[in-house]
Each structure stands twice: as C-alpha cells, then as structure tokens.
C-alpha cells in the first residue's frame, strides 16, 4: 500500500519574534513539531566530536569541567563575528540536518499527515527549499529588539549582533506563504493559528484532489 507523503511545514521567524509560542500552540492543537533548538542541544550530546572540534578551533574556555558547552559565553563569542558563526555552522549544521530528516521519516512512518519544522534559520540554511509551506512569525523591529534584550539580559550590541545574524523579519515575511503577526495579544495570535490550520487543511484538500485526478 502506498504511503502518503507527509506535508512538511517550515515554521520560522527571528530571535524574539515569539516563534516558540506559536510552535507550542500548534503542538497543543495536535500537530507534530520538530524543534531545531532542541536538536541543536541534543546533537552536542549525541555527537561528542562536535565539542572536541569547538575546543580545538575556539579554545577550552567555552567548555566546562563536565565537557558541556558554555552556551551563553560561546554564543556571545560566535555572534560577534560572521566568519566565526559560519565556521561553527559548518561544523554543527550537517548533524542537525541529519536528525531533522530522521525525524521527518519517523513522523511519516508513524502515519503523521502533517509535521512542522520549527527552525529559526530555515531560510539561512536553505531548509525552506524542501518544505511544502512556509510560515513566518513576524514582529516589528522595535518589539524584536526589546523582547530579546529583556529576555536574554544582553547589552545592546549583543542584541544587535544576534538579530543581524539572521535574515531580517521583514525579508522573511516577503518569502512566506503565511504570516503570523505576533505583536498582538495571545488571543489574537491563537486566532491566526486557527486560521493557519484551516489554510493547511484547505491546501492539503486541493493537493489530494489533484493527485486523484493525476
């Protein structure tokens, strides 16, 4: 019996946009989520050679006595330089991508019809090219800056470095199939998510009809 192709949704935004809130609500609605932030932490444990590469390239000061990455210190270091950030991405991204595809396969084997990839750098890593639908969680620049500064307790320069390390939210908004404006209340965000779910169901219905015709 032919197994139906899983419908892959790329959910992205920017640091401080509230993407995690949207992801949580989608999960509460019964939709499977692949969380790249969780994967990026898990691969450090699953593939200890990543930590070894970090020590070799950047120094042992970013690794604690238990062999764990000092995420805050290393983050500030990496985001201070595009060259360093890209070098680190070249180390860790292949492992993250491997886990993402494994999880998509697992969702499909489990009979899931829809799966959301929650990925802050969906566009930056070209993962949008293998998605069926792109959803961007958007906020204005001032809201983004204030949220990041308040949440992460960073100084202005660190906030700007982290925001500038990603494609701007306004640019991502232009590339999306569906945009959630997360500058509003949580109730208004939930209403937009319900509209998104209906949009997905309608789109899948059209695709299924086309497949049957063909």
C-alpha atoms as a PDB file:
ATOM      1  CA  UNK A   1       0.000   0.000   0.000  1.00  0.00           C
ATOM      2  CA  UNK A   2       1.397   3.405  -0.997  1.00  0.00           C
ATOM      3  CA  UNK A   3       2.256   5.625   1.960  1.00  0.00           C
ATOM      4  CA  UNK A   4       1.036   9.193   1.605  1.00  0.00           C
ATOM      5  CA  UNK A   5       3.759  11.840   1.593  1.00  0.00           C
ATOM      6  CA  UNK A   6       3.884  13.827   4.807  1.00  0.00           C
ATOM      7  CA  UNK A   7       3.042  17.535   4.485  1.00  0.00           C
ATOM      8  CA  UNK A   8       6.105  19.449   5.721  1.00  0.00           C
ATOM      9  CA  UNK A   9       5.650  22.936   7.152  1.00  0.00           C
ATOM     10  CA  UNK A  10       8.591  25.210   7.850  1.00  0.00           C
ATOM     11  CA  UNK A  11       7.925  27.484  10.828  1.00  0.00           C
ATOM     12  CA  UNK A  12      10.413  30.285  11.274  1.00  0.00           C
ATOM     13  CA  UNK A  13      10.786  33.841  12.497  1.00  0.00           C
ATOM     14  CA  UNK A  14      13.613  35.622  14.219  1.00  0.00           C
ATOM     15  CA  UNK A  15      15.064  35.810  17.676  1.00  0.00           C
ATOM     16  CA  UNK A  16      12.437  37.414  19.914  1.00  0.00           C
ATOM     17  CA  UNK A  17       9.567  37.003  17.435  1.00  0.00           C
ATOM     18  CA  UNK A  18       7.679  34.529  19.612  1.00  0.00           C
ATOM     19  CA  UNK A  19       8.073  31.546  17.301  1.00  0.00           C
ATOM     20  CA  UNK A  20       8.301  29.164  20.257  1.00  0.00           C
ATOM     21  CA  UNK A  21       4.896  30.328  21.481  1.00  0.00           C
ATOM     22  CA  UNK A  22       3.352  29.612  18.085  1.00  0.00           C
ATOM     23  CA  UNK A  23       5.087  26.222  17.994  1.00  0.00           C
ATOM     24  CA  UNK A  24       3.711  25.362  21.432  1.00  0.00           C
ATOM     25  CA  UNK A  25       0.152  26.272  20.422  1.00  0.00           C
ATOM     26  CA  UNK A  26       0.410  24.183  17.253  1.00  0.00           C
ATOM     27  CA  UNK A  27       1.587  21.247  19.354  1.00  0.00           C
ATOM     28  CA  UNK A  28      -1.398  21.755  21.663  1.00  0.00           C
ATOM     29  CA  UNK A  29      -3.590  21.562  18.538  1.00  0.00           C
ATOM     30  CA  UNK A  30      -2.209  18.075  17.914  1.00  0.00           C
ATOM     31  CA  UNK A  31       0.380  18.842  15.239  1.00  0.00           C
ATOM     32  CA  UNK A  32       3.780  17.136  15.412  1.00  0.00           C
ATOM     33  CA  UNK A  33       6.718  19.513  15.911  1.00  0.00           C
ATOM     34  CA  UNK A  34      10.395  19.033  15.101  1.00  0.00           C
ATOM     35  CA  UNK A  35      12.202  21.622  17.222  1.00  0.00           C
ATOM     36  CA  UNK A  36      15.606  22.632  15.838  1.00  0.00           C
ATOM     37  CA  UNK A  37      16.584  24.349  19.096  1.00  0.00           C
ATOM     38  CA  UNK A  38      16.140  21.035  20.919  1.00  0.00           C
ATOM     39  CA  UNK A  39      18.004  19.178  18.178  1.00  0.00           C
ATOM     40  CA  UNK A  40      20.920  21.641  18.324  1.00  0.00           C
ATOM     41  CA  UNK A  41      21.327  20.867  22.030  1.00  0.00           C
ATOM     42  CA  UNK A  42      20.849  17.124  21.633  1.00  0.00           C
ATOM     43  CA  UNK A  43      23.455  16.695  18.894  1.00  0.00           C
ATOM     44  CA  UNK A  44      26.126  18.044  21.248  1.00  0.00           C
ATOM     45  CA  UNK A  45      25.433  15.043  23.496  1.00  0.00           C
ATOM     46  CA  UNK A  46      24.867  12.527  20.708  1.00  0.00           C
ATOM     47  CA  UNK A  47      27.991  13.531  18.772  1.00  0.00           C
ATOM     48  CA  UNK A  48      30.733  14.439  21.318  1.00  0.00           C
ATOM     49  CA  UNK A  49      33.182  15.119  18.491  1.00  0.00           C
ATOM     50  CA  UNK A  50      31.370  18.448  17.988  1.00  0.00           C
ATOM     51  CA  UNK A  51      32.553  19.611  21.418  1.00  0.00           C
ATOM     52  CA  UNK A  52      36.033  18.347  20.583  1.00  0.00           C
ATOM     53  CA  UNK A  53      36.017  20.444  17.396  1.00  0.00           C
ATOM     54  CA  UNK A  54      34.892  23.500  19.367  1.00  0.00           C
ATOM     55  CA  UNK A  55      37.728  23.068  21.865  1.00  0.00           C
ATOM     56  CA  UNK A  56      40.257  22.620  19.073  1.00  0.00           C
ATOM     57  CA  UNK A  57      39.124  25.607  16.994  1.00  0.00           C
ATOM     58  CA  UNK A  58      37.996  28.102  19.635  1.00  0.00           C
ATOM     59  CA  UNK A  59      39.607  27.093  22.933  1.00  0.00           C
ATOM     60  CA  UNK A  60      38.748  25.102  26.056  1.00  0.00           C
ATOM     61  CA  UNK A  61      37.326  28.172  27.832  1.00  0.00           C
ATOM     62  CA  UNK A  62      33.977  27.511  26.143  1.00  0.00           C
ATOM     63  CA  UNK A  63      33.660  24.028  27.660  1.00  0.00           C
ATOM     64  CA  UNK A  64      33.011  23.402  31.362  1.00  0.00           C
ATOM     65  CA  UNK A  65      34.647  20.799  33.601  1.00  0.00           C
ATOM     66  CA  UNK A  66      31.926  18.272  32.714  1.00  0.00           C
ATOM     67  CA  UNK A  67      32.539  18.594  28.998  1.00  0.00           C
ATOM     68  CA  UNK A  68      29.406  20.662  28.338  1.00  0.00           C
ATOM     69  CA  UNK A  69      29.329  23.710  26.105  1.00  0.00           C
ATOM     70  CA  UNK A  70      29.078  27.058  27.903  1.00  0.00           C
ATOM     71  CA  UNK A  71      26.239  28.157  25.660  1.00  0.00           C
ATOM     72  CA  UNK A  72      25.943  31.788  26.747  1.00  0.00           C
ATOM     73  CA  UNK A  73      29.665  32.528  26.561  1.00  0.00           C
ATOM     74  CA  UNK A  74      30.096  30.670  23.303  1.00  0.00           C
ATOM     75  CA  UNK A  75      27.016  32.330  21.821  1.00  0.00           C
ATOM     76  CA  UNK A  76      28.351  35.803  22.553  1.00  0.00           C
ATOM     77  CA  UNK A  77      31.686  34.809  21.019  1.00  0.00           C
ATOM     78  CA  UNK A  78      30.207  33.268  17.862  1.00  0.00           C
ATOM     79  CA  UNK A  79      27.695  36.038  17.158  1.00  0.00           C
ATOM     80  CA  UNK A  80      30.409  38.693  17.394  1.00  0.00           C
ATOM     81  CA  UNK A  81      31.802  37.605  14.029  1.00  0.00           C
ATOM     82  CA  UNK A  82      30.039  36.370  10.900  1.00  0.00           C
ATOM     83  CA  UNK A  83      33.142  34.396   9.937  1.00  0.00           C
ATOM     84  CA  UNK A  84      33.222  32.544  13.265  1.00  0.00           C
ATOM     85  CA  UNK A  85      29.475  31.929  13.150  1.00  0.00           C
ATOM     86  CA  UNK A  86      29.610  30.475   9.647  1.00  0.00           C
ATOM     87  CA  UNK A  87      32.586  28.326  10.585  1.00  0.00           C
ATOM     88  CA  UNK A  88      30.703  26.896  13.562  1.00  0.00           C
ATOM     89  CA  UNK A  89      27.588  26.338  11.448  1.00  0.00           C
ATOM     90  CA  UNK A  90      29.668  24.313   9.001  1.00  0.00           C
ATOM     91  CA  UNK A  91      30.562  22.042  11.919  1.00  0.00           C
ATOM     92  CA  UNK A  92      27.158  21.547  13.524  1.00  0.00           C
ATOM     93  CA  UNK A  93      24.580  22.007  10.737  1.00  0.00           C
ATOM     94  CA  UNK A  94      25.257  18.646   8.974  1.00  0.00           C
ATOM     95  CA  UNK A  95      24.452  16.833  12.235  1.00  0.00           C
ATOM     96  CA  UNK A  96      21.314  18.907  12.791  1.00  0.00           C
ATOM     97  CA  UNK A  97      20.108  18.259   9.247  1.00  0.00           C
ATOM     98  CA  UNK A  98      20.699  14.532   9.645  1.00  0.00           C
ATOM     99  CA  UNK A  99      18.498  14.479  12.744  1.00  0.00           C
ATOM    100  CA  UNK A 100      15.803  16.594  11.051  1.00  0.00           C
ATOM    101  CA  UNK A 101      15.459  14.160   8.139  1.00  0.00           C
ATOM    102  CA  UNK A 102      15.459  11.202  10.526  1.00  0.00           C
ATOM    103  CA  UNK A 103      12.602  12.784  12.461  1.00  0.00           C
ATOM    104  CA  UNK A 104      10.609  13.527   9.307  1.00  0.00           C
ATOM    105  CA  UNK A 105      10.999   9.863   8.341  1.00  0.00           C
ATOM    106  CA  UNK A 106       9.874   8.807  11.810  1.00  0.00           C
ATOM    107  CA  UNK A 107       6.774  11.041  11.616  1.00  0.00           C
ATOM    108  CA  UNK A 108       5.870   9.575   8.256  1.00  0.00           C
ATOM    109  CA  UNK A 109       6.381   6.008   9.478  1.00  0.00           C
ATOM    110  CA  UNK A 110       4.111   6.820  12.428  1.00  0.00           C
ATOM    111  CA  UNK A 111       1.371   7.818   9.994  1.00  0.00           C
ATOM    112  CA  UNK A 112       1.519  11.563  10.640  1.00  0.00           C
ATOM    113  CA  UNK A 113      -0.140  13.633   7.917  1.00  0.00           C
ATOM    114  CA  UNK A 114       1.422  16.976   8.884  1.00  0.00           C
ATOM    115  CA  UNK A 115       4.705  17.843  10.571  1.00  0.00           C
ATOM    116  CA  UNK A 116       6.090  21.270  11.455  1.00  0.00           C
ATOM    117  CA  UNK A 117       9.815  22.029  11.402  1.00  0.00           C
ATOM    118  CA  UNK A 118      10.393  24.786  13.968  1.00  0.00           C
ATOM    119  CA  UNK A 119      13.620  26.312  12.651  1.00  0.00           C
ATOM    120  CA  UNK A 120      14.953  29.806  13.453  1.00  0.00           C
ATOM    121  CA  UNK A 121      17.364  29.663  10.478  1.00  0.00           C
ATOM    122  CA  UNK A 122      15.063  27.930   7.992  1.00  0.00           C
ATOM    123  CA  UNK A 123      15.946  30.351   5.173  1.00  0.00           C
ATOM    124  CA  UNK A 124      19.555  30.841   6.203  1.00  0.00           C
ATOM    125  CA  UNK A 125      20.210  27.073   5.912  1.00  0.00           C
ATOM    126  CA  UNK A 126      18.045  26.650   2.784  1.00  0.00           C
ATOM    127  CA  UNK A 127      15.708  24.209   4.524  1.00  0.00           C
ATOM    128  CA  UNK A 128      12.762  26.154   3.081  1.00  0.00           C
ATOM    129  CA  UNK A 129      13.538  24.533  -0.255  1.00  0.00           C
ATOM    130  CA  UNK A 130      12.268  21.141   0.951  1.00  0.00           C
ATOM    131  CA  UNK A 131       9.145  22.425   2.730  1.00  0.00           C
ATOM    132  CA  UNK A 132       5.588  22.342   1.347  1.00  0.00           C
ATOM    133  CA  UNK A 133       4.568  25.516   3.205  1.00  0.00           C
ATOM    134  CA  UNK A 134       6.492  28.339   4.874  1.00  0.00           C
ATOM    135  CA  UNK A 135       5.071  30.136   7.935  1.00  0.00           C
ATOM    136  CA  UNK A 136       6.813  33.207   9.354  1.00  0.00           C
ATOM    137  CA  UNK A 137       6.173  34.595  12.832  1.00  0.00           C
ATOM    138  CA  UNK A 138       6.682  38.341  12.495  1.00  0.00           C
ATOM    139  CA  UNK A 139       7.101  41.310  14.843  1.00  0.00           C
ATOM    140  CA  UNK A 140       8.331  44.840  14.146  1.00  0.00           C
ATOM    141  CA  UNK A 141      11.989  45.712  14.728  1.00  0.00           C
ATOM    142  CA  UNK A 142      11.428  47.670  17.949  1.00  0.00           C
ATOM    143  CA  UNK A 143       9.395  44.860  19.514  1.00  0.00           C
ATOM    144  CA  UNK A 144      12.013  42.304  18.496  1.00  0.00           C
ATOM    145  CA  UNK A 145      14.879  44.322  19.995  1.00  0.00           C
ATOM    146  CA  UNK A 146      13.072  44.962  23.282  1.00  0.00           C
ATOM    147  CA  UNK A 147      11.994  41.339  23.681  1.00  0.00           C
ATOM    148  CA  UNK A 148      15.483  39.957  23.092  1.00  0.00           C
ATOM    149  CA  UNK A 149      17.111  42.464  25.434  1.00  0.00           C
ATOM    150  CA  UNK A 150      14.601  41.800  28.207  1.00  0.00           C
ATOM    151  CA  UNK A 151      14.506  38.029  27.825  1.00  0.00           C
ATOM    152  CA  UNK A 152      18.211  37.268  27.369  1.00  0.00           C
ATOM    153  CA  UNK A 153      19.653  40.076  29.549  1.00  0.00           C
ATOM    154  CA  UNK A 154      22.077  41.125  26.805  1.00  0.00           C
ATOM    155  CA  UNK A 155      23.577  44.529  26.140  1.00  0.00           C
ATOM    156  CA  UNK A 156      22.530  46.497  23.060  1.00  0.00           C
ATOM    157  CA  UNK A 157      25.485  45.354  20.949  1.00  0.00           C
ATOM    158  CA  UNK A 158      24.909  41.687  21.726  1.00  0.00           C
ATOM    159  CA  UNK A 159      21.218  42.033  20.860  1.00  0.00           C
ATOM    160  CA  UNK A 160      22.031  43.709  17.533  1.00  0.00           C
ATOM    161  CA  UNK A 161      24.665  41.051  16.715  1.00  0.00           C
ATOM    162  CA  UNK A 162      22.170  38.245  17.258  1.00  0.00           C
ATOM    163  CA  UNK A 163      19.394  39.919  15.293  1.00  0.00           C
ATOM    164  CA  UNK A 164      21.747  40.747  12.411  1.00  0.00           C
ATOM    165  CA  UNK A 165      22.995  37.152  12.281  1.00  0.00           C
ATOM    166  CA  UNK A 166      19.631  36.223  10.758  1.00  0.00           C
ATOM    167  CA  UNK A 167      17.773  37.420   7.683  1.00  0.00           C
ATOM    168  CA  UNK A 168      15.520  40.300   8.723  1.00  0.00           C
ATOM    169  CA  UNK A 169      11.948  39.516   9.686  1.00  0.00           C
ATOM    170  CA  UNK A 170      10.674  41.912   7.030  1.00  0.00           C
ATOM    171  CA  UNK A 171      12.584  39.967   4.361  1.00  0.00           C
ATOM    172  CA  UNK A 172      11.393  36.629   5.724  1.00  0.00           C
ATOM    173  CA  UNK A 173       7.857  37.945   5.683  1.00  0.00           C
ATOM    174  CA  UNK A 174       8.154  38.540   1.936  1.00  0.00           C
ATOM    175  CA  UNK A 175       9.183  34.905   1.379  1.00  0.00           C
ATOM    176  CA  UNK A 176       6.416  33.329   3.470  1.00  0.00           C
ATOM    177  CA  UNK A 177       3.230  31.621   2.341  1.00  0.00           C
ATOM    178  CA  UNK A 178       1.554  32.570   5.632  1.00  0.00           C
ATOM    179  CA  UNK A 179       2.483  35.262   8.185  1.00  0.00           C
ATOM    180  CA  UNK A 180       1.518  35.356  11.863  1.00  0.00           C
ATOM    181  CA  UNK A 181       1.690  38.882  13.318  1.00  0.00           C
ATOM    182  CA  UNK A 182       2.842  38.229  16.868  1.00  0.00           C
ATOM    183  CA  UNK A 183       2.877  41.853  18.020  1.00  0.00           C
ATOM    184  CA  UNK A 184      -0.703  41.424  19.159  1.00  0.00           C
ATOM    185  CA  UNK A 185      -2.327  39.677  22.147  1.00  0.00           C
ATOM    186  CA  UNK A 186      -2.036  35.938  22.722  1.00  0.00           C
ATOM    187  CA  UNK A 187      -5.731  35.576  21.879  1.00  0.00           C
ATOM    188  CA  UNK A 188      -5.188  37.281  18.520  1.00  0.00           C
ATOM    189  CA  UNK A 189      -2.171  35.051  17.865  1.00  0.00           C
ATOM    190  CA  UNK A 190      -4.263  31.956  18.597  1.00  0.00           C
ATOM    191  CA  UNK A 191      -6.934  33.154  16.169  1.00  0.00           C
ATOM    192  CA  UNK A 192      -4.295  33.499  13.457  1.00  0.00           C
ATOM    193  CA  UNK A 193      -3.024  29.992  14.229  1.00  0.00           C
ATOM    194  CA  UNK A 194      -6.549  28.584  13.864  1.00  0.00           C
ATOM    195  CA  UNK A 195      -6.782  30.372  10.501  1.00  0.00           C
ATOM    196  CA  UNK A 196      -3.428  28.815   9.560  1.00  0.00           C
ATOM    197  CA  UNK A 197      -4.664  25.322  10.426  1.00  0.00           C
ATOM    198  CA  UNK A 198      -7.744  25.827   8.264  1.00  0.00           C
ATOM    199  CA  UNK A 199      -5.497  27.132   5.464  1.00  0.00           C
ATOM    200  CA  UNK A 200      -3.333  23.997   5.732  1.00  0.00           C
ATOM    201  CA  UNK A 201      -6.351  21.694   5.636  1.00  0.00           C
ATOM    202  CA  UNK A 202      -7.772  23.500   2.612  1.00  0.00           C
ATOM    203  CA  UNK A 203      -4.405  23.333   0.831  1.00  0.00           C
ATOM    204  CA  UNK A 204      -3.990  19.627   1.547  1.00  0.00           C
ATOM    205  CA  UNK A 205      -7.505  19.029   0.264  1.00  0.00           C
ATOM    206  CA  UNK A 206      -6.639  20.675  -3.043  1.00  0.00           C
ATOM    207  CA  UNK A 207      -3.402  18.687  -3.332  1.00  0.00           C
ATOM    208  CA  UNK A 208      -5.197  15.420  -2.658  1.00  0.00           C
ATOM    209  CA  UNK A 209      -7.793  16.229  -5.344  1.00  0.00           C
ATOM    210  CA  UNK A 210      -5.008  16.949  -7.869  1.00  0.00           C
ATOM    211  CA  UNK A 211      -3.282  13.658  -7.011  1.00  0.00           C
ATOM    212  CA  UNK A 212      -6.522  11.736  -7.569  1.00  0.00           C
ATOM    213  CA  UNK A 213      -7.025  13.410 -10.967  1.00  0.00           C
ATOM    214  CA  UNK A 214      -3.478  12.556 -11.997  1.00  0.00           C
END
